[in-house]
Structures are given as C-alpha cells and as structure tokens.
Amino acid sequence: MPNNLDELYMMYMKDVYRYLLFLCQDHYTAEDLVQDTFTRAYIFLDQYDRQNVKPWLLRAAHNAFIDYNRKQKRSTPKEAAFFQHRLFHEHTPEQVMLQRERLEELRKWC
C-alpha cells in the first residue's frame, strides 16, 4: 500500500484519469480533474483507509467531477438571442420615459 502522495499518484493516476475521462468525455477536463482529485487526496491523506485506497480515490474523483459540473452550470452563458431580446426590447424603461416625454410635448402643442 502507498505510504505517501507520490506513491499514491504513481499507482492510481491512470485509473483515476480513465474514470474521469469516461465521465466528462474531454481529455483536458479529465487532466484538470485528476489534479483536483489528488489535491483533495493530499488534504485528506491522513483519513483514508489503506485497504480501500482505489475506491476512496475514485469517490474523490467523482466528487470533483460533480463539483466541476455544478460550477459549469452556474457559469454557462445564455444564448445570444436571449440577450438580444432583453437588450432590444421595445418597452425598456428608457423608451417608456422618452415616449411619455414626447406625449407631454405633443399635448402642450395641441
């Protein structure tokens, strides 16, 4: 069984990478998540059960993947049509105010 993080990394990095690649289907994201997984492993290294290292690492990888997905959902930009609809809506507060001012000017002339 591995005694330190380096040994843990050398023994299980490929398994963790393949698992994450299967989950996210993106090489670069899987690499980032492997690093995140082993960062988490470093933080909690004293708490793992030496008999069940691989399941513990894969659970940490799974949690890193879930956290990544949550972050992606929060930061996903809207479609361009959403912003165009909102930005160029006919009844913006500025346009309503301009229409009222025009109507007031017309009433003064009539």
PDB file of N, CA and C in Angstrom:
ATOM      1  N   MET A   1       0.840  -1.187   0.000  1.00  0.00           N
ATOM      2  CA  MET A   1       0.000   0.000   0.000  1.00  0.00           C
ATOM      3  C   MET A   1       0.880   1.243   0.000  1.00  0.00           C
ATOM      4  N   PRO A   2       0.430   2.289  -0.678  1.00  0.00           N
ATOM      5  CA  PRO A   2       1.231   3.518  -0.752  1.00  0.00           C
ATOM      6  C   PRO A   2       1.325   4.207   0.613  1.00  0.00           C
ATOM      7  N   ASN A   3       2.487   4.799   0.841  1.00  0.00           N
ATOM      8  CA  ASN A   3       2.720   5.478   2.112  1.00  0.00           C
ATOM      9  C   ASN A   3       2.663   6.998   1.993  1.00  0.00           C
ATOM     10  N   ASN A   4       2.795   7.512   0.775  1.00  0.00           N
ATOM     11  CA  ASN A   4       2.752   8.958   0.603  1.00  0.00           C
ATOM     12  C   ASN A   4       2.024   9.300  -0.697  1.00  0.00           C
ATOM     13  N   LEU A   5       1.862  10.585  -0.939  1.00  0.00           N
ATOM     14  CA  LEU A   5       1.094  11.036  -2.100  1.00  0.00           C
ATOM     15  C   LEU A   5       1.758  10.661  -3.416  1.00  0.00           C
ATOM     16  N   ASP A   6       3.073  10.715  -3.474  1.00  0.00           N
ATOM     17  CA  ASP A   6       3.776  10.356  -4.712  1.00  0.00           C
ATOM     18  C   ASP A   6       3.497   8.910  -5.108  1.00  0.00           C
ATOM     19  N   GLU A   7       3.570   8.027  -4.149  1.00  0.00           N
ATOM     20  CA  GLU A   7       3.289   6.613  -4.427  1.00  0.00           C
ATOM     21  C   GLU A   7       1.824   6.427  -4.814  1.00  0.00           C
ATOM     22  N   LEU A   8       0.966   7.115  -4.123  1.00  0.00           N
ATOM     23  CA  LEU A   8      -0.471   7.046  -4.418  1.00  0.00           C
ATOM     24  C   LEU A   8      -0.731   7.502  -5.856  1.00  0.00           C
ATOM     25  N   TYR A   9      -0.093   8.613  -6.231  1.00  0.00           N
ATOM     26  CA  TYR A   9      -0.249   9.166  -7.587  1.00  0.00           C
ATOM     27  C   TYR A   9       0.260   8.188  -8.635  1.00  0.00           C
ATOM     28  N   MET A  10       1.446   7.647  -8.419  1.00  0.00           N
ATOM     29  CA  MET A  10       2.038   6.733  -9.400  1.00  0.00           C
ATOM     30  C   MET A  10       1.205   5.460  -9.567  1.00  0.00           C
ATOM     31  N   MET A  11       0.628   4.984  -8.499  1.00  0.00           N
ATOM     32  CA  MET A  11      -0.135   3.737  -8.566  1.00  0.00           C
ATOM     33  C   MET A  11      -1.515   3.914  -9.201  1.00  0.00           C
ATOM     34  N   TYR A  12      -2.180   5.055  -8.946  1.00  0.00           N
ATOM     35  CA  TYR A  12      -3.593   5.167  -9.300  1.00  0.00           C
ATOM     36  C   TYR A  12      -3.939   6.289 -10.276  1.00  0.00           C
ATOM     37  N   MET A  13      -2.959   7.048 -10.714  1.00  0.00           N
ATOM     38  CA  MET A  13      -3.240   8.180 -11.598  1.00  0.00           C
ATOM     39  C   MET A  13      -3.945   7.736 -12.883  1.00  0.00           C
ATOM     40  N   LYS A  14      -3.472   6.677 -13.505  1.00  0.00           N
ATOM     41  CA  LYS A  14      -4.071   6.221 -14.761  1.00  0.00           C
ATOM     42  C   LYS A  14      -5.517   5.759 -14.573  1.00  0.00           C
ATOM     43  N   ASP A  15      -5.772   5.059 -13.476  1.00  0.00           N
ATOM     44  CA  ASP A  15      -7.142   4.605 -13.204  1.00  0.00           C
ATOM     45  C   ASP A  15      -8.080   5.788 -12.973  1.00  0.00           C
ATOM     46  N   VAL A  16      -7.603   6.758 -12.201  1.00  0.00           N
ATOM     47  CA  VAL A  16      -8.413   7.948 -11.931  1.00  0.00           C
ATOM     48  C   VAL A  16      -8.648   8.727 -13.218  1.00  0.00           C
ATOM     49  N   TYR A  17      -7.602   8.873 -14.037  1.00  0.00           N
ATOM     50  CA  TYR A  17      -7.737   9.584 -15.312  1.00  0.00           C
ATOM     51  C   TYR A  17      -8.759   8.904 -16.224  1.00  0.00           C
ATOM     52  N   ARG A  18      -8.658   7.590 -16.375  1.00  0.00           N
ATOM     53  CA  ARG A  18      -9.603   6.869 -17.245  1.00  0.00           C
ATOM     54  C   ARG A  18     -11.038   7.007 -16.756  1.00  0.00           C
ATOM     55  N   TYR A  19     -11.222   6.944 -15.459  1.00  0.00           N
ATOM     56  CA  TYR A  19     -12.560   7.105 -14.881  1.00  0.00           C
ATOM     57  C   TYR A  19     -13.116   8.500 -15.176  1.00  0.00           C
ATOM     58  N   LEU A  20     -12.283   9.505 -14.962  1.00  0.00           N
ATOM     59  CA  LEU A  20     -12.736  10.879 -15.217  1.00  0.00           C
ATOM     60  C   LEU A  20     -12.951  11.140 -16.700  1.00  0.00           C
ATOM     61  N   LEU A  21     -12.120  10.571 -17.544  1.00  0.00           N
ATOM     62  CA  LEU A  21     -12.311  10.725 -18.989  1.00  0.00           C
ATOM     63  C   LEU A  21     -13.630  10.090 -19.416  1.00  0.00           C
ATOM     64  N   PHE A  22     -13.954   8.951 -18.836  1.00  0.00           N
ATOM     65  CA  PHE A  22     -15.237   8.312 -19.107  1.00  0.00           C
ATOM     66  C   PHE A  22     -16.396   9.222 -18.687  1.00  0.00           C
ATOM     67  N   LEU A  23     -16.264   9.876 -17.537  1.00  0.00           N
ATOM     68  CA  LEU A  23     -17.339  10.729 -17.034  1.00  0.00           C
ATOM     69  C   LEU A  23     -17.510  12.006 -17.861  1.00  0.00           C
ATOM     70  N   CYS A  24     -16.416  12.674 -18.154  1.00  0.00           N
ATOM     71  CA  CYS A  24     -16.547  14.003 -18.772  1.00  0.00           C
ATOM     72  C   CYS A  24     -16.332  14.006 -20.277  1.00  0.00           C
ATOM     73  N   GLN A  25     -15.762  12.957 -20.841  1.00  0.00           N
ATOM     74  CA  GLN A  25     -15.566  12.833 -22.281  1.00  0.00           C
ATOM     75  C   GLN A  25     -14.686  13.947 -22.858  1.00  0.00           C
ATOM     76  N   ASP A  26     -13.792  14.511 -22.056  1.00  0.00           N
ATOM     77  CA  ASP A  26     -12.894  15.565 -22.525  1.00  0.00           C
ATOM     78  C   ASP A  26     -11.529  15.379 -21.876  1.00  0.00           C
ATOM     79  N   HIS A  27     -10.501  15.238 -22.707  1.00  0.00           N
ATOM     80  CA  HIS A  27      -9.145  14.958 -22.234  1.00  0.00           C
ATOM     81  C   HIS A  27      -8.631  16.039 -21.283  1.00  0.00           C
ATOM     82  N   TYR A  28      -8.801  17.303 -21.666  1.00  0.00           N
ATOM     83  CA  TYR A  28      -8.257  18.398 -20.864  1.00  0.00           C
ATOM     84  C   TYR A  28      -8.987  18.538 -19.523  1.00  0.00           C
ATOM     85  N   THR A  29     -10.283  18.383 -19.554  1.00  0.00           N
ATOM     86  CA  THR A  29     -11.049  18.451 -18.314  1.00  0.00           C
ATOM     87  C   THR A  29     -10.675  17.284 -17.403  1.00  0.00           C
ATOM     88  N   ALA A  30     -10.505  16.107 -17.982  1.00  0.00           N
ATOM     89  CA  ALA A  30     -10.112  14.941 -17.184  1.00  0.00           C
ATOM     90  C   ALA A  30      -8.756  15.173 -16.525  1.00  0.00           C
ATOM     91  N   GLU A  31      -7.813  15.757 -17.254  1.00  0.00           N
ATOM     92  CA  GLU A  31      -6.499  16.049 -16.669  1.00  0.00           C
ATOM     93  C   GLU A  31      -6.623  17.023 -15.494  1.00  0.00           C
ATOM     94  N   ASP A  32      -7.418  18.067 -15.687  1.00  0.00           N
ATOM     95  CA  ASP A  32      -7.619  19.034 -14.602  1.00  0.00           C
ATOM     96  C   ASP A  32      -8.256  18.380 -13.384  1.00  0.00           C
ATOM     97  N   LEU A  33      -9.225  17.521 -13.633  1.00  0.00           N
ATOM     98  CA  LEU A  33      -9.912  16.866 -12.526  1.00  0.00           C
ATOM     99  C   LEU A  33      -9.023  15.848 -11.817  1.00  0.00           C
ATOM    100  N   VAL A  34      -8.092  15.234 -12.543  1.00  0.00           N
ATOM    101  CA  VAL A  34      -7.127  14.340 -11.890  1.00  0.00           C
ATOM    102  C   VAL A  34      -6.301  15.142 -10.895  1.00  0.00           C
ATOM    103  N   GLN A  35      -5.849  16.306 -11.323  1.00  0.00           N
ATOM    104  CA  GLN A  35      -5.063  17.154 -10.421  1.00  0.00           C
ATOM    105  C   GLN A  35      -5.897  17.572  -9.210  1.00  0.00           C
ATOM    106  N   ASP A  36      -7.140  17.912  -9.460  1.00  0.00           N
ATOM    107  CA  ASP A  36      -8.025  18.289  -8.363  1.00  0.00           C
ATOM    108  C   ASP A  36      -8.242  17.111  -7.413  1.00  0.00           C
ATOM    109  N   THR A  37      -8.394  15.926  -7.964  1.00  0.00           N
ATOM    110  CA  THR A  37      -8.594  14.727  -7.151  1.00  0.00           C
ATOM    111  C   THR A  37      -7.405  14.477  -6.234  1.00  0.00           C
ATOM    112  N   PHE A  38      -6.198  14.585  -6.785  1.00  0.00           N
ATOM    113  CA  PHE A  38      -5.023  14.323  -5.963  1.00  0.00           C
ATOM    114  C   PHE A  38      -4.716  15.479  -5.017  1.00  0.00           C
ATOM    115  N   THR A  39      -5.183  16.670  -5.332  1.00  0.00           N
ATOM    116  CA  THR A  39      -5.085  17.777  -4.378  1.00  0.00           C
ATOM    117  C   THR A  39      -5.972  17.481  -3.179  1.00  0.00           C
ATOM    118  N   ARG A  40      -7.176  17.012  -3.458  1.00  0.00           N
ATOM    119  CA  ARG A  40      -8.086  16.625  -2.373  1.00  0.00           C
ATOM    120  C   ARG A  40      -7.508  15.454  -1.582  1.00  0.00           C
ATOM    121  N   ALA A  41      -6.888  14.512  -2.283  1.00  0.00           N
ATOM    122  CA  ALA A  41      -6.284  13.366  -1.604  1.00  0.00           C
ATOM    123  C   ALA A  41      -5.169  13.828  -0.674  1.00  0.00           C
ATOM    124  N   TYR A  42      -4.405  14.808  -1.098  1.00  0.00           N
ATOM    125  CA  TYR A  42      -3.335  15.332  -0.254  1.00  0.00           C
ATOM    126  C   TYR A  42      -3.906  15.940   1.025  1.00  0.00           C
ATOM    127  N   ILE A  43      -4.997  16.670   0.879  1.00  0.00           N
ATOM    128  CA  ILE A  43      -5.604  17.323   2.037  1.00  0.00           C
ATOM    129  C   ILE A  43      -6.122  16.296   3.047  1.00  0.00           C
ATOM    130  N   PHE A  44      -6.696  15.210   2.544  1.00  0.00           N
ATOM    131  CA  PHE A  44      -7.312  14.213   3.427  1.00  0.00           C
ATOM    132  C   PHE A  44      -6.503  12.913   3.502  1.00  0.00           C
ATOM    133  N   LEU A  45      -5.221  12.981   3.209  1.00  0.00           N
ATOM    134  CA  LEU A  45      -4.370  11.793   3.162  1.00  0.00           C
ATOM    135  C   LEU A  45      -4.369  11.013   4.475  1.00  0.00           C
ATOM    136  N   ASP A  46      -4.462  11.711   5.589  1.00  0.00           N
ATOM    137  CA  ASP A  46      -4.420  11.023   6.879  1.00  0.00           C
ATOM    138  C   ASP A  46      -5.734  10.324   7.220  1.00  0.00           C
ATOM    139  N   GLN A  47      -6.793  10.573   6.433  1.00  0.00           N
ATOM    140  CA  GLN A  47      -8.101  10.000   6.753  1.00  0.00           C
ATOM    141  C   GLN A  47      -8.478   8.773   5.910  1.00  0.00           C
ATOM    142  N   TYR A  48      -7.651   8.421   4.930  1.00  0.00           N
ATOM    143  CA  TYR A  48      -8.084   7.318   4.069  1.00  0.00           C
ATOM    144  C   TYR A  48      -7.739   5.966   4.666  1.00  0.00           C
ATOM    145  N   ASP A  49      -8.533   4.983   4.291  1.00  0.00           N
ATOM    146  CA  ASP A  49      -8.342   3.604   4.732  1.00  0.00           C
ATOM    147  C   ASP A  49      -7.358   2.946   3.761  1.00  0.00           C
ATOM    148  N   ARG A  50      -6.232   2.525   4.251  1.00  0.00           N
ATOM    149  CA  ARG A  50      -5.178   1.976   3.393  1.00  0.00           C
ATOM    150  C   ARG A  50      -5.623   0.715   2.642  1.00  0.00           C
ATOM    151  N   GLN A  51      -6.638   0.047   3.102  1.00  0.00           N
ATOM    152  CA  GLN A  51      -7.114  -1.150   2.431  1.00  0.00           C
ATOM    153  C   GLN A  51      -8.003  -0.827   1.233  1.00  0.00           C
ATOM    154  N   ASN A  52      -8.644   0.337   1.260  1.00  0.00           N
ATOM    155  CA  ASN A  52      -9.583   0.721   0.204  1.00  0.00           C
ATOM    156  C   ASN A  52      -9.162   2.022  -0.476  1.00  0.00           C
ATOM    157  N   VAL A  53      -7.928   2.092  -0.911  1.00  0.00           N
ATOM    158  CA  VAL A  53      -7.383   3.319  -1.493  1.00  0.00           C
ATOM    159  C   VAL A  53      -8.059   3.660  -2.810  1.00  0.00           C
ATOM    160  N   LYS A  54      -8.151   2.705  -3.700  1.00  0.00           N
ATOM    161  CA  LYS A  54      -8.689   2.979  -5.037  1.00  0.00           C
ATOM    162  C   LYS A  54     -10.150   3.451  -4.981  1.00  0.00           C
ATOM    163  N   PRO A  55     -11.042   2.769  -4.259  1.00  0.00           N
ATOM    164  CA  PRO A  55     -12.417   3.283  -4.178  1.00  0.00           C
ATOM    165  C   PRO A  55     -12.481   4.678  -3.554  1.00  0.00           C
ATOM    166  N   TRP A  56     -11.618   4.941  -2.594  1.00  0.00           N
ATOM    167  CA  TRP A  56     -11.567   6.253  -1.957  1.00  0.00           C
ATOM    168  C   TRP A  56     -11.163   7.325  -2.973  1.00  0.00           C
ATOM    169  N   LEU A  57     -10.149   7.018  -3.788  1.00  0.00           N
ATOM    170  CA  LEU A  57      -9.712   7.969  -4.816  1.00  0.00           C
ATOM    171  C   LEU A  57     -10.782   8.165  -5.891  1.00  0.00           C
ATOM    172  N   LEU A  58     -11.422   7.086  -6.292  1.00  0.00           N
ATOM    173  CA  LEU A  58     -12.466   7.214  -7.318  1.00  0.00           C
ATOM    174  C   LEU A  58     -13.669   7.994  -6.791  1.00  0.00           C
ATOM    175  N   ARG A  59     -13.971   7.872  -5.518  1.00  0.00           N
ATOM    176  CA  ARG A  59     -15.047   8.665  -4.916  1.00  0.00           C
ATOM    177  C   ARG A  59     -14.640  10.142  -4.914  1.00  0.00           C
ATOM    178  N   ALA A  60     -13.381  10.434  -4.587  1.00  0.00           N
ATOM    179  CA  ALA A  60     -12.888  11.815  -4.624  1.00  0.00           C
ATOM    180  C   ALA A  60     -12.942  12.353  -6.050  1.00  0.00           C
ATOM    181  N   ALA A  61     -12.612  11.515  -7.032  1.00  0.00           N
ATOM    182  CA  ALA A  61     -12.673  11.923  -8.438  1.00  0.00           C
ATOM    183  C   ALA A  61     -14.120  12.202  -8.842  1.00  0.00           C
ATOM    184  N   HIS A  62     -15.016  11.353  -8.423  1.00  0.00           N
ATOM    185  CA  HIS A  62     -16.433  11.540  -8.725  1.00  0.00           C
ATOM    186  C   HIS A  62     -16.939  12.858  -8.120  1.00  0.00           C
ATOM    187  N   ASN A  63     -16.562  13.128  -6.887  1.00  0.00           N
ATOM    188  CA  ASN A  63     -16.966  14.381  -6.242  1.00  0.00           C
ATOM    189  C   ASN A  63     -16.368  15.591  -6.949  1.00  0.00           C
ATOM    190  N   ALA A  64     -15.127  15.476  -7.415  1.00  0.00           N
ATOM    191  CA  ALA A  64     -14.506  16.569  -8.171  1.00  0.00           C
ATOM    192  C   ALA A  64     -15.273  16.808  -9.475  1.00  0.00           C
ATOM    193  N   PHE A  65     -15.701  15.724 -10.116  1.00  0.00           N
ATOM    194  CA  PHE A  65     -16.478  15.833 -11.351  1.00  0.00           C
ATOM    195  C   PHE A  65     -17.828  16.504 -11.089  1.00  0.00           C
ATOM    196  N   ILE A  66     -18.497  16.129 -10.017  1.00  0.00           N
ATOM    197  CA  ILE A  66     -19.785  16.730  -9.673  1.00  0.00           C
ATOM    198  C   ILE A  66     -19.615  18.228  -9.389  1.00  0.00           C
ATOM    199  N   ASP A  67     -18.583  18.576  -8.628  1.00  0.00           N
ATOM    200  CA  ASP A  67     -18.329  19.989  -8.337  1.00  0.00           C
ATOM    201  C   ASP A  67     -18.037  20.768  -9.617  1.00  0.00           C
ATOM    202  N   TYR A  68     -17.285  20.158 -10.528  1.00  0.00           N
ATOM    203  CA  TYR A  68     -16.978  20.796 -11.811  1.00  0.00           C
ATOM    204  C   TYR A  68     -18.268  21.055 -12.598  1.00  0.00           C
ATOM    205  N   ASN A  69     -19.152  20.067 -12.645  1.00  0.00           N
ATOM    206  CA  ASN A  69     -20.416  20.234 -13.373  1.00  0.00           C
ATOM    207  C   ASN A  69     -21.288  21.323 -12.755  1.00  0.00           C
ATOM    208  N   ARG A  70     -21.342  21.370 -11.451  1.00  0.00           N
ATOM    209  CA  ARG A  70     -22.122  22.424 -10.784  1.00  0.00           C
ATOM    210  C   ARG A  70     -21.571  23.802 -11.136  1.00  0.00           C
ATOM    211  N   LYS A  71     -20.282  23.922 -11.125  1.00  0.00           N
ATOM    212  CA  LYS A  71     -19.661  25.202 -11.463  1.00  0.00           C
ATOM    213  C   LYS A  71     -19.944  25.571 -12.920  1.00  0.00           C
ATOM    214  N   GLN A  72     -19.890  24.589 -13.804  1.00  0.00           N
ATOM    215  CA  GLN A  72     -20.165  24.844 -15.222  1.00  0.00           C
ATOM    216  C   GLN A  72     -21.606  25.302 -15.434  1.00  0.00           C
ATOM    217  N   LYS A  73     -22.532  24.717 -14.719  1.00  0.00           N
ATOM    218  CA  LYS A  73     -23.940  25.101 -14.872  1.00  0.00           C
ATOM    219  C   LYS A  73     -24.176  26.536 -14.445  1.00  0.00           C
ATOM    220  N   ARG A  74     -23.471  26.964 -13.402  1.00  0.00           N
ATOM    221  CA  ARG A  74     -23.629  28.337 -12.926  1.00  0.00           C
ATOM    222  C   ARG A  74     -23.008  29.342 -13.878  1.00  0.00           C
ATOM    223  N   SER A  75     -21.959  28.944 -14.583  1.00  0.00           N
ATOM    224  CA  SER A  75     -21.243  29.896 -15.420  1.00  0.00           C
ATOM    225  C   SER A  75     -21.515  29.737 -16.909  1.00  0.00           C
ATOM    226  N   THR A  76     -22.505  28.937 -17.276  1.00  0.00           N
ATOM    227  CA  THR A  76     -22.834  28.747 -18.683  1.00  0.00           C
ATOM    228  C   THR A  76     -23.537  29.986 -19.220  1.00  0.00           C
ATOM    229  N   PRO A  77     -22.969  30.606 -20.264  1.00  0.00           N
ATOM    230  CA  PRO A  77     -23.615  31.808 -20.812  1.00  0.00           C
ATOM    231  C   PRO A  77     -24.914  31.468 -21.534  1.00  0.00           C
ATOM    232  N   LYS A  78     -25.788  32.434 -21.566  1.00  0.00           N
ATOM    233  CA  LYS A  78     -27.052  32.264 -22.278  1.00  0.00           C
ATOM    234  C   LYS A  78     -26.815  32.401 -23.778  1.00  0.00           C
ATOM    235  N   GLU A  79     -27.775  31.980 -24.550  1.00  0.00           N
ATOM    236  CA  GLU A  79     -27.684  32.121 -25.995  1.00  0.00           C
ATOM    237  C   GLU A  79     -27.765  33.598 -26.367  1.00  0.00           C
ATOM    238  N   ALA A  80     -27.193  33.941 -27.503  1.00  0.00           N
ATOM    239  CA  ALA A  80     -27.164  35.335 -27.950  1.00  0.00           C
ATOM    240  C   ALA A  80     -28.578  35.890 -28.115  1.00  0.00           C
ATOM    241  N   ALA A  81     -29.514  35.075 -28.555  1.00  0.00           N
ATOM    242  CA  ALA A  81     -30.889  35.534 -28.751  1.00  0.00           C
ATOM    243  C   ALA A  81     -31.506  36.004 -27.433  1.00  0.00           C
ATOM    244  N   PHE A  82     -31.154  35.368 -26.326  1.00  0.00           N
ATOM    245  CA  PHE A  82     -31.662  35.768 -25.026  1.00  0.00           C
ATOM    246  C   PHE A  82     -31.272  37.212 -24.721  1.00  0.00           C
ATOM    247  N   PHE A  83     -29.998  37.545 -24.969  1.00  0.00           N
ATOM    248  CA  PHE A  83     -29.525  38.887 -24.669  1.00  0.00           C
ATOM    249  C   PHE A  83     -30.077  39.914 -25.648  1.00  0.00           C
ATOM    250  N   GLN A  84     -30.206  39.544 -26.904  1.00  0.00           N
ATOM    251  CA  GLN A  84     -30.758  40.489 -27.879  1.00  0.00           C
ATOM    252  C   GLN A  84     -32.203  40.807 -27.539  1.00  0.00           C
ATOM    253  N   HIS A  85     -32.943  39.812 -27.143  1.00  0.00           N
ATOM    254  CA  HIS A  85     -34.339  40.022 -26.770  1.00  0.00           C
ATOM    255  C   HIS A  85     -34.424  40.957 -25.571  1.00  0.00           C
ATOM    256  N   ARG A  86     -33.563  40.733 -24.599  1.00  0.00           N
ATOM    257  CA  ARG A  86     -33.578  41.545 -23.385  1.00  0.00           C
ATOM    258  C   ARG A  86     -33.036  42.955 -23.631  1.00  0.00           C
ATOM    259  N   LEU A  87     -31.997  43.066 -24.436  1.00  0.00           N
ATOM    260  CA  LEU A  87     -31.379  44.368 -24.649  1.00  0.00           C
ATOM    261  C   LEU A  87     -32.178  45.262 -25.590  1.00  0.00           C
ATOM    262  N   PHE A  88     -32.846  44.662 -26.536  1.00  0.00           N
ATOM    263  CA  PHE A  88     -33.544  45.453 -27.539  1.00  0.00           C
ATOM    264  C   PHE A  88     -35.059  45.333 -27.428  1.00  0.00           C
ATOM    265  N   HIS A  89     -35.526  45.113 -26.250  1.00  0.00           N
ATOM    266  CA  HIS A  89     -36.954  45.011 -26.012  1.00  0.00           C
ATOM    267  C   HIS A  89     -37.586  46.382 -26.229  1.00  0.00           C
ATOM    268  N   GLU A  90     -38.775  46.426 -26.780  1.00  0.00           N
ATOM    269  CA  GLU A  90     -39.423  47.685 -27.129  1.00  0.00           C
ATOM    270  C   GLU A  90     -39.806  48.523 -25.915  1.00  0.00           C
ATOM    271  N   HIS A  91     -40.012  47.916 -24.800  1.00  0.00           N
ATOM    272  CA  HIS A  91     -40.525  48.640 -23.645  1.00  0.00           C
ATOM    273  C   HIS A  91     -39.495  48.732 -22.519  1.00  0.00           C
ATOM    274  N   THR A  92     -38.312  49.185 -22.854  1.00  0.00           N
ATOM    275  CA  THR A  92     -37.326  49.397 -21.800  1.00  0.00           C
ATOM    276  C   THR A  92     -37.732  50.640 -21.011  1.00  0.00           C
ATOM    277  N   PRO A  93     -37.287  50.782 -19.796  1.00  0.00           N
ATOM    278  CA  PRO A  93     -37.648  51.966 -19.002  1.00  0.00           C
ATOM    279  C   PRO A  93     -37.271  53.278 -19.699  1.00  0.00           C
ATOM    280  N   GLU A  94     -36.142  53.275 -20.381  1.00  0.00           N
ATOM    281  CA  GLU A  94     -35.724  54.494 -21.084  1.00  0.00           C
ATOM    282  C   GLU A  94     -36.689  54.839 -22.214  1.00  0.00           C
ATOM    283  N   GLN A  95     -37.098  53.818 -22.963  1.00  0.00           N
ATOM    284  CA  GLN A  95     -38.012  54.063 -24.069  1.00  0.00           C
ATOM    285  C   GLN A  95     -39.383  54.502 -23.571  1.00  0.00           C
ATOM    286  N   VAL A  96     -39.846  53.933 -22.492  1.00  0.00           N
ATOM    287  CA  VAL A  96     -41.133  54.340 -21.930  1.00  0.00           C
ATOM    288  C   VAL A  96     -41.071  55.799 -21.488  1.00  0.00           C
ATOM    289  N   MET A  97     -39.988  56.182 -20.855  1.00  0.00           N
ATOM    290  CA  MET A  97     -39.833  57.562 -20.405  1.00  0.00           C
ATOM    291  C   MET A  97     -39.777  58.537 -21.594  1.00  0.00           C
ATOM    292  N   LEU A  98     -39.057  58.150 -22.642  1.00  0.00           N
ATOM    293  CA  LEU A  98     -38.995  59.002 -23.835  1.00  0.00           C
ATOM    294  C   LEU A  98     -40.366  59.152 -24.482  1.00  0.00           C
ATOM    295  N   GLN A  99     -41.127  58.072 -24.533  1.00  0.00           N
ATOM    296  CA  GLN A  99     -42.478  58.152 -25.107  1.00  0.00           C
ATOM    297  C   GLN A  99     -43.362  59.090 -24.286  1.00  0.00           C
ATOM    298  N   ARG A 100     -43.269  59.005 -22.977  1.00  0.00           N
ATOM    299  CA  ARG A 100     -44.063  59.896 -22.118  1.00  0.00           C
ATOM    300  C   ARG A 100     -43.682  61.364 -22.348  1.00  0.00           C
ATOM    301  N   GLU A 101     -42.396  61.615 -22.455  1.00  0.00           N
ATOM    302  CA  GLU A 101     -41.950  62.990 -22.692  1.00  0.00           C
ATOM    303  C   GLU A 101     -42.459  63.504 -24.036  1.00  0.00           C
ATOM    304  N   ARG A 102     -42.428  62.674 -25.053  1.00  0.00           N
ATOM    305  CA  ARG A 102     -42.931  63.072 -26.372  1.00  0.00           C
ATOM    306  C   ARG A 102     -44.430  63.365 -26.326  1.00  0.00           C
ATOM    307  N   LEU A 103     -45.166  62.487 -25.606  1.00  0.00           N
ATOM    308  CA  LEU A 103     -46.605  62.704 -25.483  1.00  0.00           C
ATOM    309  C   LEU A 103     -46.910  64.011 -24.748  1.00  0.00           C
ATOM    310  N   GLU A 104     -46.143  64.304 -23.721  1.00  0.00           N
ATOM    311  CA  GLU A 104     -46.333  65.557 -22.990  1.00  0.00           C
ATOM    312  C   GLU A 104     -46.044  66.772 -23.892  1.00  0.00           C
ATOM    313  N   GLU A 105     -45.035  66.675 -24.715  1.00  0.00           N
ATOM    314  CA  GLU A 105     -44.719  67.774 -25.634  1.00  0.00           C
ATOM    315  C   GLU A 105     -45.829  67.942 -26.662  1.00  0.00           C
ATOM    316  N   LEU A 106     -46.356  66.822 -27.163  1.00  0.00           N
ATOM    317  CA  LEU A 106     -47.454  66.903 -28.132  1.00  0.00           C
ATOM    318  C   LEU A 106     -48.696  67.528 -27.509  1.00  0.00           C
ATOM    319  N   ARG A 107     -48.990  67.198 -26.249  1.00  0.00           N
ATOM    320  CA  ARG A 107     -50.151  67.754 -25.558  1.00  0.00           C
ATOM    321  C   ARG A 107     -49.987  69.270 -25.366  1.00  0.00           C
ATOM    322  N   LYS A 108     -48.774  69.706 -25.141  1.00  0.00           N
ATOM    323  CA  LYS A 108     -48.541  71.141 -24.996  1.00  0.00           C
ATOM    324  C   LYS A 108     -48.829  71.896 -26.292  1.00  0.00           C
ATOM    325  N   TRP A 109     -48.582  71.274 -27.396  1.00  0.00           N
ATOM    326  CA  TRP A 109     -48.776  71.919 -28.699  1.00  0.00           C
ATOM    327  C   TRP A 109     -50.237  71.871 -29.145  1.00  0.00           C
ATOM    328  N   CYS A 110     -50.964  70.948 -28.601  1.00  0.00           N
ATOM    329  CA  CYS A 110     -52.362  70.810 -29.039  1.00  0.00           C
ATOM    330  C   CYS A 110     -53.305  71.584 -28.195  1.00  0.00           C
TER     331      CYS A 110
END
